[in-house]
C-alpha atoms as a PDB file:
ATOM      1  CA  MET A   1      -0.019   0.053   0.131  1.00  0.00           C
ATOM      2  CA  SER A   2       1.580   3.388  -1.231  1.00  0.00           C
ATOM      3  CA  THR A   3       1.860   6.377   1.071  1.00  0.00           C
ATOM      4  CA  SER A   4       0.696   9.541  -0.416  1.00  0.00           C
ATOM      5  CA  THR A   5       3.089  12.268  -0.978  1.00  0.00           C
ATOM      6  CA  THR A   6       0.880  15.009   0.990  1.00  0.00           C
ATOM      7  CA  ASP A   7       1.347  12.742   4.106  1.00  0.00           C
ATOM      8  CA  ARG A   8       5.143  12.937   4.194  1.00  0.00           C
ATOM      9  CA  ARG A   9       6.618  15.448   6.495  1.00  0.00           C
ATOM     10  CA  PRO A  10       9.958  17.081   6.247  1.00  0.00           C
ATOM     11  CA  PRO A  11      12.279  16.311   9.025  1.00  0.00           C
ATOM     12  CA  ALA A  12      12.546  18.799  11.602  1.00  0.00           C
ATOM     13  CA  LEU A  13      15.168  21.784  10.897  1.00  0.00           C
ATOM     14  CA  ASP A  14      18.087  22.855  13.236  1.00  0.00           C
ATOM     15  CA  GLY A  15      17.191  20.304  15.963  1.00  0.00           C
ATOM     16  CA  ALA A  16      13.968  21.640  16.563  1.00  0.00           C
ATOM     17  CA  ALA A  17      11.304  19.115  17.955  1.00  0.00           C
ATOM     18  CA  ALA A  18       8.312  18.888  16.054  1.00  0.00           C
ATOM     19  CA  ALA A  19       5.030  20.313  17.477  1.00  0.00           C
ATOM     20  CA  PRO A  20       2.879  17.661  19.009  1.00  0.00           C
ATOM     21  CA  ARG A  21      -0.606  17.273  17.458  1.00  0.00           C
ATOM     22  CA  GLY A  22      -3.297  19.523  18.684  1.00  0.00           C
ATOM     23  CA  GLY A  23      -0.997  21.543  20.978  1.00  0.00           C
ATOM     24  CA  THR A  24       1.618  24.265  20.887  1.00  0.00           C
ATOM     25  CA  ARG A  25       5.363  24.098  20.240  1.00  0.00           C
ATOM     26  CA  ARG A  26       7.538  23.880  23.423  1.00  0.00           C
ATOM     27  CA  THR A  27      10.291  26.340  23.467  1.00  0.00           C
ATOM     28  CA  PRO A  28      13.675  24.728  24.940  1.00  0.00           C
ATOM     29  CA  PRO A  29      15.163  26.410  27.669  1.00  0.00           C
ATOM     30  CA  SER A  30      18.068  28.938  26.511  1.00  0.00           C
ATOM     31  CA  ARG A  31      21.679  28.097  27.218  1.00  0.00           C
ATOM     32  CA  SER A  32      22.273  31.061  29.424  1.00  0.00           C
ATOM     33  CA  TRP A  33      19.556  29.990  31.768  1.00  0.00           C
ATOM     34  CA  ARG A  34      20.736  26.380  31.973  1.00  0.00           C
ATOM     35  CA  THR A  35      24.426  27.682  32.715  1.00  0.00           C
ATOM     36  CA  ALA A  36      22.961  29.752  35.313  1.00  0.00           C
ATOM     37  CA  ARG A  37      20.899  27.105  36.757  1.00  0.00           C
ATOM     38  CA  GLU A  38      23.890  24.537  36.820  1.00  0.00           C
ATOM     39  CA  ARG A  39      26.121  27.255  38.470  1.00  0.00           C
ATOM     40  CA  MET A  40      23.860  28.168  41.413  1.00  0.00           C
ATOM     41  CA  PRO A  41      24.699  25.058  43.659  1.00  0.00           C
ATOM     42  CA  ALA A  42      28.391  26.135  43.171  1.00  0.00           C
ATOM     43  CA  GLY A  43      27.574  29.695  44.199  1.00  0.00           C
ATOM     44  CA  GLY A  44      25.766  28.419  47.064  1.00  0.00           C
ATOM     45  CA  PHE A  45      28.832  26.694  48.212  1.00  0.00           C
ATOM     46  CA  LEU A  46      31.131  29.561  47.596  1.00  0.00           C
ATOM     47  CA  ALA A  47      28.979  32.070  49.098  1.00  0.00           C
ATOM     48  CA  PRO A  48      30.185  31.539  52.913  1.00  0.00           C
ATOM     49  CA  ALA A  49      33.781  31.955  51.837  1.00  0.00           C
ATOM     50  CA  VAL A  50      33.135  34.971  49.835  1.00  0.00           C
ATOM     51  CA  LEU A  51      31.272  36.540  52.787  1.00  0.00           C
ATOM     52  CA  LEU A  52      34.211  35.576  55.221  1.00  0.00           C
ATOM     53  CA  VAL A  53      36.630  37.241  52.691  1.00  0.00           C
ATOM     54  CA  THR A  54      34.583  40.278  52.474  1.00  0.00           C
ATOM     55  CA  LEU A  55      33.954  40.801  56.207  1.00  0.00           C
ATOM     56  CA  PHE A  56      37.438  40.125  57.453  1.00  0.00           C
ATOM     57  CA  LEU A  57      39.966  41.067  54.552  1.00  0.00           C
ATOM     58  CA  LEU A  58      38.373  43.438  51.713  1.00  0.00           C
ATOM     59  CA  ALA A  59      36.046  45.693  54.211  1.00  0.00           C
ATOM     60  CA  PRO A  60      39.153  46.124  56.916  1.00  0.00           C
ATOM     61  CA  PHE A  61      41.228  47.180  53.940  1.00  0.00           C
ATOM     62  CA  VAL A  62      38.469  49.432  52.537  1.00  0.00           C
ATOM     63  CA  TRP A  63      38.291  51.137  56.004  1.00  0.00           C
ATOM     64  CA  THR A  64      42.279  51.566  56.169  1.00  0.00           C
ATOM     65  CA  VAL A  65      42.356  53.147  52.838  1.00  0.00           C
ATOM     66  CA  TYR A  66      39.722  55.562  53.962  1.00  0.00           C
ATOM     67  CA  ARG A  67      41.274  56.286  57.311  1.00  0.00           C
ATOM     68  CA  SER A  68      44.813  56.987  55.838  1.00  0.00           C
ATOM     69  CA  PHE A  69      43.258  60.236  54.200  1.00  0.00           C
ATOM     70  CA  PHE A  70      42.418  61.700  57.642  1.00  0.00           C
ATOM     71  CA  SER A  71      44.830  63.671  59.748  1.00  0.00           C
ATOM     72  CA  ASP A  72      45.510  62.677  63.240  1.00  0.00           C
ATOM     73  CA  SER A  73      45.172  66.041  64.673  1.00  0.00           C
ATOM     74  CA  ARG A  74      41.349  67.453  65.297  1.00  0.00           C
ATOM     75  CA  THR A  75      41.917  70.811  63.689  1.00  0.00           C
ATOM     76  CA  THR A  76      42.256  69.777  60.081  1.00  0.00           C
ATOM     77  CA  PRO A  77      40.632  66.108  60.084  1.00  0.00           C
ATOM     78  CA  PHE A  78      40.838  65.465  56.283  1.00  0.00           C
ATOM     79  CA  SER A  79      44.251  65.668  55.077  1.00  0.00           C
ATOM     80  CA  TRP A  80      44.256  64.104  51.754  1.00  0.00           C
ATOM     81  CA  PHE A  81      47.923  62.756  51.059  1.00  0.00           C
ATOM     82  CA  ASP A  82      49.606  64.319  54.046  1.00  0.00           C
ATOM     83  CA  ASN A  83      50.195  61.093  55.706  1.00  0.00           C
ATOM     84  CA  TYR A  84      51.695  59.509  52.441  1.00  0.00           C
ATOM     85  CA  ALA A  85      54.072  62.725  52.257  1.00  0.00           C
ATOM     86  CA  LEU A  86      55.555  61.203  55.619  1.00  0.00           C
ATOM     87  CA  PHE A  87      57.656  58.802  53.616  1.00  0.00           C
ATOM     88  CA  ALA A  88      59.457  61.604  52.015  1.00  0.00           C
ATOM     89  CA  SER A  89      59.882  63.993  55.264  1.00  0.00           C
ATOM     90  CA  ASP A  90      60.121  61.373  58.144  1.00  0.00           C
ATOM     91  CA  PRO A  91      63.918  60.055  58.425  1.00  0.00           C
ATOM     92  CA  ALA A  92      62.476  56.872  60.466  1.00  0.00           C
ATOM     93  CA  LEU A  93      60.260  55.875  57.509  1.00  0.00           C
ATOM     94  CA  PHE A  94      62.991  56.211  55.078  1.00  0.00           C
ATOM     95  CA  ARG A  95      65.343  53.940  57.187  1.00  0.00           C
ATOM     96  CA  SER A  96      62.185  51.623  57.480  1.00  0.00           C
ATOM     97  CA  ILE A  97      61.989  51.225  53.784  1.00  0.00           C
ATOM     98  CA  GLN A  98      65.868  50.565  53.569  1.00  0.00           C
ATOM     99  CA  ASN A  99      65.266  47.772  56.366  1.00  0.00           C
ATOM    100  CA  THR A 100      62.323  46.348  54.501  1.00  0.00           C
ATOM    101  CA  LEU A 101      64.512  46.256  51.242  1.00  0.00           C
ATOM    102  CA  MET A 102      67.234  44.517  53.051  1.00  0.00           C
ATOM    103  CA  TRP A 103      64.716  42.101  54.615  1.00  0.00           C
ATOM    104  CA  VAL A 104      63.187  41.421  51.150  1.00  0.00           C
ATOM    105  CA  VAL A 105      66.570  40.418  49.681  1.00  0.00           C
ATOM    106  CA  GLY A 106      67.893  38.366  52.612  1.00  0.00           C
ATOM    107  CA  THR A 107      64.699  36.458  53.198  1.00  0.00           C
ATOM    108  CA  VAL A 108      64.534  35.582  49.337  1.00  0.00           C
ATOM    109  CA  VAL A 109      68.095  34.642  48.605  1.00  0.00           C
ATOM    110  CA  LEU A 110      69.089  33.175  51.837  1.00  0.00           C
ATOM    111  CA  PRO A 111      66.377  30.427  52.286  1.00  0.00           C
ATOM    112  CA  PHE A 112      66.408  29.744  48.573  1.00  0.00           C
ATOM    113  CA  VAL A 113      70.137  28.980  48.381  1.00  0.00           C
ATOM    114  CA  LEU A 114      70.301  27.121  51.585  1.00  0.00           C
ATOM    115  CA  GLY A 115      67.228  25.197  51.273  1.00  0.00           C
ATOM    116  CA  LEU A 116      68.246  24.009  47.731  1.00  0.00           C
ATOM    117  CA  ALA A 117      71.675  23.179  48.664  1.00  0.00           C
ATOM    118  CA  ILE A 118      70.621  21.186  51.829  1.00  0.00           C
ATOM    119  CA  ALA A 119      67.914  19.418  50.082  1.00  0.00           C
ATOM    120  CA  CYS A 120      70.344  18.279  47.360  1.00  0.00           C
ATOM    121  CA  LEU A 121      72.967  17.068  50.120  1.00  0.00           C
ATOM    122  CA  THR A 122      70.398  15.240  52.038  1.00  0.00           C
ATOM    123  CA  ASN A 123      68.261  13.774  49.324  1.00  0.00           C
ATOM    124  CA  SER A 124      70.064  10.407  49.751  1.00  0.00           C
ATOM    125  CA  GLY A 125      72.526   9.187  52.453  1.00  0.00           C
ATOM    126  CA  ARG A 126      72.321   7.348  55.882  1.00  0.00           C
ATOM    127  CA  LEU A 127      72.274  10.585  58.065  1.00  0.00           C
ATOM    128  CA  SER A 128      70.168  12.319  55.677  1.00  0.00           C
ATOM    129  CA  ARG A 129      66.928  12.043  58.008  1.00  0.00           C
ATOM    130  CA  LEU A 130      68.654  13.254  60.967  1.00  0.00           C
ATOM    131  CA  ALA A 131      70.176  16.378  58.944  1.00  0.00           C
ATOM    132  CA  ARG A 132      66.746  17.168  57.562  1.00  0.00           C
ATOM    133  CA  LEU A 133      65.245  17.057  61.046  1.00  0.00           C
ATOM    134  CA  CYS A 134      67.983  19.355  62.375  1.00  0.00           C
ATOM    135  CA  VAL A 135      67.280  21.875  59.336  1.00  0.00           C
ATOM    136  CA  VAL A 136      63.370  21.572  59.394  1.00  0.00           C
ATOM    137  CA  LEU A 137      62.808  21.598  63.464  1.00  0.00           C
ATOM    138  CA  PRO A 138      63.217  25.498  63.755  1.00  0.00           C
ATOM    139  CA  TYR A 139      60.496  26.023  61.325  1.00  0.00           C
ATOM    140  CA  ALA A 140      58.091  24.492  63.753  1.00  0.00           C
ATOM    141  CA  LEU A 141      58.881  27.138  66.376  1.00  0.00           C
ATOM    142  CA  SER A 142      57.058  30.444  66.244  1.00  0.00           C
ATOM    143  CA  GLY A 143      58.984  33.740  65.449  1.00  0.00           C
ATOM    144  CA  SER A 144      58.661  34.778  69.071  1.00  0.00           C
ATOM    145  CA  ALA A 145      60.520  31.422  70.260  1.00  0.00           C
ATOM    146  CA  VAL A 146      63.272  31.889  67.594  1.00  0.00           C
ATOM    147  CA  ALA A 147      63.646  35.548  68.818  1.00  0.00           C
ATOM    148  CA  VAL A 148      64.081  34.616  72.223  1.00  0.00           C
ATOM    149  CA  VAL A 149      66.715  31.900  71.162  1.00  0.00           C
ATOM    150  CA  TRP A 150      68.869  34.434  69.052  1.00  0.00           C
ATOM    151  CA  ASN A 151      68.452  36.990  71.872  1.00  0.00           C
ATOM    152  CA  PHE A 152      70.221  34.620  74.250  1.00  0.00           C
ATOM    153  CA  MET A 153      73.201  34.282  71.656  1.00  0.00           C
ATOM    154  CA  LEU A 154      73.194  38.055  70.459  1.00  0.00           C
ATOM    155  CA  THR A 155      73.279  40.072  73.554  1.00  0.00           C
ATOM    156  CA  THR A 156      76.607  41.585  74.821  1.00  0.00           C
ATOM    157  CA  ASP A 157      77.213  38.866  77.251  1.00  0.00           C
ATOM    158  CA  GLY A 158      75.481  36.209  74.859  1.00  0.00           C
ATOM    159  CA  ALA A 159      76.631  32.841  73.610  1.00  0.00           C
ATOM    160  CA  VAL A 160      78.260  34.425  70.564  1.00  0.00           C
ATOM    161  CA  ASN A 161      80.571  36.703  72.371  1.00  0.00           C
ATOM    162  CA  GLN A 162      81.300  34.062  75.066  1.00  0.00           C
ATOM    163  CA  VAL A 163      82.369  31.576  72.315  1.00  0.00           C
ATOM    164  CA  LEU A 164      84.302  34.260  70.753  1.00  0.00           C
ATOM    165  CA  THR A 165      86.196  35.491  73.832  1.00  0.00           C
ATOM    166  CA  ALA A 166      86.940  31.585  74.750  1.00  0.00           C
ATOM    167  CA  LEU A 167      88.526  31.111  71.277  1.00  0.00           C
ATOM    168  CA  GLY A 168      90.724  34.233  71.928  1.00  0.00           C
ATOM    169  CA  LEU A 169      89.123  36.407  69.403  1.00  0.00           C
ATOM    170  CA  ASP A 170      87.976  39.062  71.694  1.00  0.00           C
ATOM    171  CA  SER A 171      88.427  42.054  68.963  1.00  0.00           C
ATOM    172  CA  LEU A 172      85.388  40.442  67.354  1.00  0.00           C
ATOM    173  CA  ALA A 173      83.092  40.521  70.158  1.00  0.00           C
ATOM    174  CA  GLN A 174      80.531  43.276  69.926  1.00  0.00           C
ATOM    175  CA  GLY A 175      76.977  44.321  70.598  1.00  0.00           C
ATOM    176  CA  TRP A 176      75.287  42.712  67.902  1.00  0.00           C
ATOM    177  CA  LEU A 177      71.985  44.266  68.078  1.00  0.00           C
ATOM    178  CA  LEU A 178      73.132  47.773  68.834  1.00  0.00           C
ATOM    179  CA  THR A 179      74.673  49.120  65.660  1.00  0.00           C
ATOM    180  CA  TRP A 180      72.962  49.492  62.163  1.00  0.00           C
ATOM    181  CA  PRO A 181      73.201  47.821  59.615  1.00  0.00           C
ATOM    182  CA  GLY A 182      74.701  45.064  61.460  1.00  0.00           C
ATOM    183  CA  ASN A 183      71.658  44.445  63.820  1.00  0.00           C
ATOM    184  CA  THR A 184      69.314  44.129  60.733  1.00  0.00           C
ATOM    185  CA  VAL A 185      71.700  41.656  59.000  1.00  0.00           C
ATOM    186  CA  VAL A 186      71.884  39.422  62.085  1.00  0.00           C
ATOM    187  CA  MET A 187      68.110  39.485  62.488  1.00  0.00           C
ATOM    188  CA  ILE A 188      67.843  38.556  58.839  1.00  0.00           C
ATOM    189  CA  LEU A 189      70.191  35.446  59.576  1.00  0.00           C
ATOM    190  CA  ALA A 190      67.821  34.393  62.400  1.00  0.00           C
ATOM    191  CA  ASN A 191      64.791  34.710  60.007  1.00  0.00           C
ATOM    192  CA  ALA A 192      66.833  32.467  57.518  1.00  0.00           C
ATOM    193  CA  TRP A 193      67.618  29.791  60.155  1.00  0.00           C
ATOM    194  CA  GLN A 194      63.740  29.375  60.819  1.00  0.00           C
ATOM    195  CA  ALA A 195      62.520  29.745  57.138  1.00  0.00           C
ATOM    196  CA  THR A 196      65.068  27.424  55.382  1.00  0.00           C
ATOM    197  CA  GLY A 197      63.235  24.520  56.838  1.00  0.00           C
ATOM    198  CA  VAL A 198      60.168  24.738  54.752  1.00  0.00           C
ATOM    199  CA  ALA A 199      62.384  25.362  51.498  1.00  0.00           C
ATOM    200  CA  VAL A 200      64.257  22.217  52.239  1.00  0.00           C
ATOM    201  CA  ILE A 201      60.645  20.258  52.496  1.00  0.00           C
ATOM    202  CA  LEU A 202      59.581  21.826  49.299  1.00  0.00           C
ATOM    203  CA  PHE A 203      62.821  21.232  47.399  1.00  0.00           C
ATOM    204  CA  LEU A 204      62.949  17.612  48.709  1.00  0.00           C
ATOM    205  CA  VAL A 205      59.500  17.158  47.125  1.00  0.00           C
ATOM    206  CA  GLY A 206      60.554  18.452  43.753  1.00  0.00           C
ATOM    207  CA  LEU A 207      63.957  16.428  43.709  1.00  0.00           C
ATOM    208  CA  GLN A 208      62.131  13.206  44.557  1.00  0.00           C
ATOM    209  CA  SER A 209      59.345  13.933  41.729  1.00  0.00           C
ATOM    210  CA  ILE A 210      62.241  13.902  38.974  1.00  0.00           C
ATOM    211  CA  PRO A 211      62.505  10.869  37.199  1.00  0.00           C
ATOM    212  CA  PRO A 212      65.665   8.844  37.694  1.00  0.00           C
ATOM    213  CA  GLU A 213      65.605   7.709  33.924  1.00  0.00           C
ATOM    214  CA  THR A 214      66.309  11.656  33.032  1.00  0.00           C
ATOM    215  CA  LEU A 215      69.379  11.809  34.978  1.00  0.00           C
ATOM    216  CA  GLU A 216      70.562   8.401  33.723  1.00  0.00           C
ATOM    217  CA  ALA A 217      69.908   9.559  30.198  1.00  0.00           C
ATOM    218  CA  GLY A 218      71.862  12.789  31.174  1.00  0.00           C
ATOM    219  CA  ALA A 219      74.784  10.736  32.480  1.00  0.00           C
ATOM    220  CA  LEU A 220      74.774   8.468  29.318  1.00  0.00           C
ATOM    221  CA  ASP A 221      75.018  11.638  27.196  1.00  0.00           C
ATOM    222  CA  GLY A 222      78.337  12.702  29.187  1.00  0.00           C
ATOM    223  CA  ALA A 223      76.887  15.379  31.589  1.00  0.00           C
ATOM    224  CA  GLY A 224      78.610  15.808  34.783  1.00  0.00           C
ATOM    225  CA  GLY A 225      77.304  16.508  38.008  1.00  0.00           C
ATOM    226  CA  TRP A 226      77.057  20.314  37.797  1.00  0.00           C
ATOM    227  CA  GLN A 227      75.738  19.862  33.936  1.00  0.00           C
ATOM    228  CA  GLN A 228      72.941  17.606  35.262  1.00  0.00           C
ATOM    229  CA  PHE A 229      72.098  20.034  38.225  1.00  0.00           C
ATOM    230  CA  ARG A 230      71.976  23.136  35.766  1.00  0.00           C
ATOM    231  CA  HIS A 231      70.226  21.590  32.682  1.00  0.00           C
ATOM    232  CA  ILE A 232      68.054  18.847  34.214  1.00  0.00           C
ATOM    233  CA  VAL A 233      67.428  19.477  38.069  1.00  0.00           C
ATOM    234  CA  LEU A 234      66.806  23.159  37.910  1.00  0.00           C
ATOM    235  CA  PRO A 235      64.458  23.500  35.220  1.00  0.00           C
ATOM    236  CA  GLN A 236      62.315  20.655  36.674  1.00  0.00           C
ATOM    237  CA  LEU A 237      62.401  22.446  39.985  1.00  0.00           C
ATOM    238  CA  ARG A 238      60.821  25.610  38.614  1.00  0.00           C
ATOM    239  CA  PRO A 239      57.313  25.122  40.023  1.00  0.00           C
ATOM    240  CA  VAL A 240      58.877  24.629  43.562  1.00  0.00           C
ATOM    241  CA  SER A 241      61.258  27.551  42.955  1.00  0.00           C
ATOM    242  CA  ILE A 242      58.102  29.803  42.343  1.00  0.00           C
ATOM    243  CA  ILE A 243      56.330  28.663  45.621  1.00  0.00           C
ATOM    244  CA  VAL A 244      59.634  29.109  47.814  1.00  0.00           C
ATOM    245  CA  ILE A 245      60.458  32.542  46.290  1.00  0.00           C
ATOM    246  CA  GLY A 246      56.785  33.735  46.548  1.00  0.00           C
ATOM    247  CA  MET A 247      56.638  32.588  50.127  1.00  0.00           C
ATOM    248  CA  SER A 248      59.844  34.143  51.014  1.00  0.00           C
ATOM    249  CA  LEU A 249      59.105  37.379  49.372  1.00  0.00           C
ATOM    250  CA  VAL A 250      55.655  37.921  51.186  1.00  0.00           C
ATOM    251  CA  ASN A 251      57.074  36.908  54.553  1.00  0.00           C
ATOM    252  CA  GLY A 252      60.222  39.118  54.273  1.00  0.00           C
ATOM    253  CA  LEU A 253      57.828  41.956  53.481  1.00  0.00           C
ATOM    254  CA  LYS A 254      55.483  41.619  56.431  1.00  0.00           C
ATOM    255  CA  SER A 255      57.937  40.343  58.918  1.00  0.00           C
ATOM    256  CA  PHE A 256      57.179  41.832  62.386  1.00  0.00           C
ATOM    257  CA  ASP A 257      57.456  39.402  65.465  1.00  0.00           C
ATOM    258  CA  LEU A 258      61.277  38.529  65.336  1.00  0.00           C
ATOM    259  CA  ILE A 259      62.273  42.152  65.095  1.00  0.00           C
ATOM    260  CA  TRP A 260      59.695  43.153  67.759  1.00  0.00           C
ATOM    261  CA  VAL A 261      61.011  40.646  70.433  1.00  0.00           C
ATOM    262  CA  LEU A 262      64.669  41.215  69.486  1.00  0.00           C
ATOM    263  CA  THR A 263      64.834  44.961  69.223  1.00  0.00           C
ATOM    264  CA  GLN A 264      61.541  46.441  69.362  1.00  0.00           C
ATOM    265  CA  GLY A 265      62.576  48.389  66.214  1.00  0.00           C
ATOM    266  CA  GLY A 266      65.534  49.935  68.193  1.00  0.00           C
ATOM    267  CA  PRO A 267      67.980  51.141  69.006  1.00  0.00           C
ATOM    268  CA  GLY A 268      65.755  54.384  68.327  1.00  0.00           C
ATOM    269  CA  ARG A 269      64.035  53.191  65.159  1.00  0.00           C
ATOM    270  CA  ALA A 270      67.033  51.883  63.530  1.00  0.00           C
ATOM    271  CA  THR A 271      65.861  48.332  62.797  1.00  0.00           C
ATOM    272  CA  GLU A 272      62.235  49.075  62.003  1.00  0.00           C
ATOM    273  CA  THR A 273      60.606  47.699  58.836  1.00  0.00           C
ATOM    274  CA  LEU A 274      57.406  48.986  57.216  1.00  0.00           C
ATOM    275  CA  ALA A 275      55.161  46.416  59.402  1.00  0.00           C
ATOM    276  CA  VAL A 276      57.116  47.588  62.652  1.00  0.00           C
ATOM    277  CA  SER A 277      56.417  51.230  61.671  1.00  0.00           C
ATOM    278  CA  MET A 278      52.964  50.537  60.947  1.00  0.00           C
ATOM    279  CA  TYR A 279      52.318  49.289  64.472  1.00  0.00           C
ATOM    280  CA  ASN A 280      54.434  51.807  66.204  1.00  0.00           C
ATOM    281  CA  GLU A 281      52.853  54.829  64.526  1.00  0.00           C
ATOM    282  CA  THR A 282      49.167  53.359  65.380  1.00  0.00           C
ATOM    283  CA  PHE A 283      49.515  51.954  68.699  1.00  0.00           C
ATOM    284  CA  LEU A 284      52.641  53.634  70.368  1.00  0.00           C
ATOM    285  CA  GLU A 285      52.813  57.242  68.819  1.00  0.00           C
ATOM    286  CA  MET A 286      48.822  57.219  68.641  1.00  0.00           C
ATOM    287  CA  ARG A 287      48.711  58.317  64.955  1.00  0.00           C
ATOM    288  CA  PRO A 288      46.403  55.922  63.184  1.00  0.00           C
ATOM    289  CA  GLY A 289      46.157  57.990  60.073  1.00  0.00           C
ATOM    290  CA  ALA A 290      50.063  57.571  59.573  1.00  0.00           C
ATOM    291  CA  GLY A 291      49.661  53.841  60.515  1.00  0.00           C
ATOM    292  CA  ALA A 292      46.919  53.431  57.968  1.00  0.00           C
ATOM    293  CA  ALA A 293      49.063  54.972  55.095  1.00  0.00           C
ATOM    294  CA  ILE A 294      51.948  52.933  55.989  1.00  0.00           C
ATOM    295  CA  ALA A 295      49.612  49.551  55.926  1.00  0.00           C
ATOM    296  CA  VAL A 296      48.310  50.905  52.536  1.00  0.00           C
ATOM    297  CA  VAL A 297      51.650  51.219  50.903  1.00  0.00           C
ATOM    298  CA  LEU A 298      52.860  47.902  52.397  1.00  0.00           C
ATOM    299  CA  THR A 299      49.832  46.112  51.033  1.00  0.00           C
ATOM    300  CA  VAL A 300      50.446  47.639  47.521  1.00  0.00           C
ATOM    301  CA  ILE A 301      54.327  46.583  47.614  1.00  0.00           C
ATOM    302  CA  VAL A 302      53.352  43.203  48.726  1.00  0.00           C
ATOM    303  CA  LEU A 303      50.588  42.755  45.999  1.00  0.00           C
ATOM    304  CA  ALA A 304      52.717  44.310  43.203  1.00  0.00           C
ATOM    305  CA  ALA A 305      55.858  42.381  43.964  1.00  0.00           C
ATOM    306  CA  SER A 306      53.908  39.152  44.276  1.00  0.00           C
ATOM    307  CA  TRP A 307      52.018  39.610  40.928  1.00  0.00           C
ATOM    308  CA  LEU A 308      55.095  40.860  38.904  1.00  0.00           C
ATOM    309  CA  TYR A 309      56.850  37.870  40.112  1.00  0.00           C
ATOM    310  CA  LEU A 310      54.247  35.283  39.527  1.00  0.00           C
ATOM    311  CA  ARG A 311      53.382  36.794  36.166  1.00  0.00           C
ATOM    312  CA  ARG A 312      57.051  36.664  34.916  1.00  0.00           C
ATOM    313  CA  GLN A 313      57.359  33.249  36.111  1.00  0.00           C
ATOM    314  CA  LEU A 314      54.092  32.293  34.502  1.00  0.00           C
ATOM    315  CA  ASP A 315      54.906  33.829  31.311  1.00  0.00           C
ATOM    316  CA  VAL A 316      58.568  32.192  31.368  1.00  0.00           C
ATOM    317  CA  LYS A 317      56.881  28.768  31.802  1.00  0.00           C
ATOM    318  CA  GLY A 318      54.311  29.488  28.966  1.00  0.00           C
ATOM    319  CA  VAL A 319      51.220  29.225  31.138  1.00  0.00           C
END
C-alpha cells in the first residue's frame, strides 16, 4: 500500500522538535538559563567563603584606605595625602624602607640558596633524615620563640661573644643588636635559620619527583654533576622555586614578630621595617592615620611584588 506524498512531512530543521498534534510548540530553555541554573549550587557553596573574605579582609582594607586620608589632629581632620608625604619627610620611615628592602633580599636569597643546597645534600644518604630533622625543626617554632633563642645568643654577654672570647677572638665580640646595619643583618640571618626548613621540604619534594631515567640519560650523554644540576634538575624544580620565592617574598615584607621581640625596632627606630613602623605609628605614637597610610603602602608593595614575580614566572613557563 503506497503512501501519499501529501502525508510525508519534512524532518525537523536545526534540531527543533516537531510540535505535538493539537498543541503548541515547546521552546527549549536557553543556554544562558541552563548555565546559570547549573552554577547556582556552586555559588551556594562559595557564598560563605566570599562572605568571610569580604568581612575580614576586603572591608578592613577599604576602611584602612579611607582612614589613611584623615589627619591625626582634630583641627584639620581631612588631610588628603599628608600621611603619605611622611615617607619623604620622616627619616625613620626612610630607614624603615631601607630595612624592608634588606629584609626582602635576605629572606628571598638565603632560604632559597640554603634550602636548595641542603635538599640536594640530604636527598640520599644514611644521615640524611637526621640532618633534615635538624634543619626543619626551627620551622616548627614560632617567630617569638626563635627571637628568644637568638636574643640569648646575640646580647652583649650572650653565647656568641662568650664563644669568641673563649677562642681568643675578643676583638670580634660586639653588641650585635646595637648598631645599624649589623643588627638588621643578624636578624635576617635569624629569620633565614627558621625559614630554611620549609624551603628544604619543598625542594625535597621536587627532587624526589624527578624521574631517575632523566638523570641516567644525562649521564649516558656525558653530562657531569654540575651540568645535570644546571640543565636537568633546576628546570624541573621551577614550579617549586616559584612557591619558595613567592612565600619568602611575602614573609620578608611583612616580618614583625622576630624584630619586635629582639629590638622593638631600636635602638631608636633603626631596625624598623614597614610592618613594625605601622604598629609603632598606630599604637605607640597614637597616629592611626599615619599607620593606615603605611599599611596601605605595604599592602600595595606586597601585592605588586607578588603579581610581577608570578606573572614573569608563569610567562616564562608558558602558562
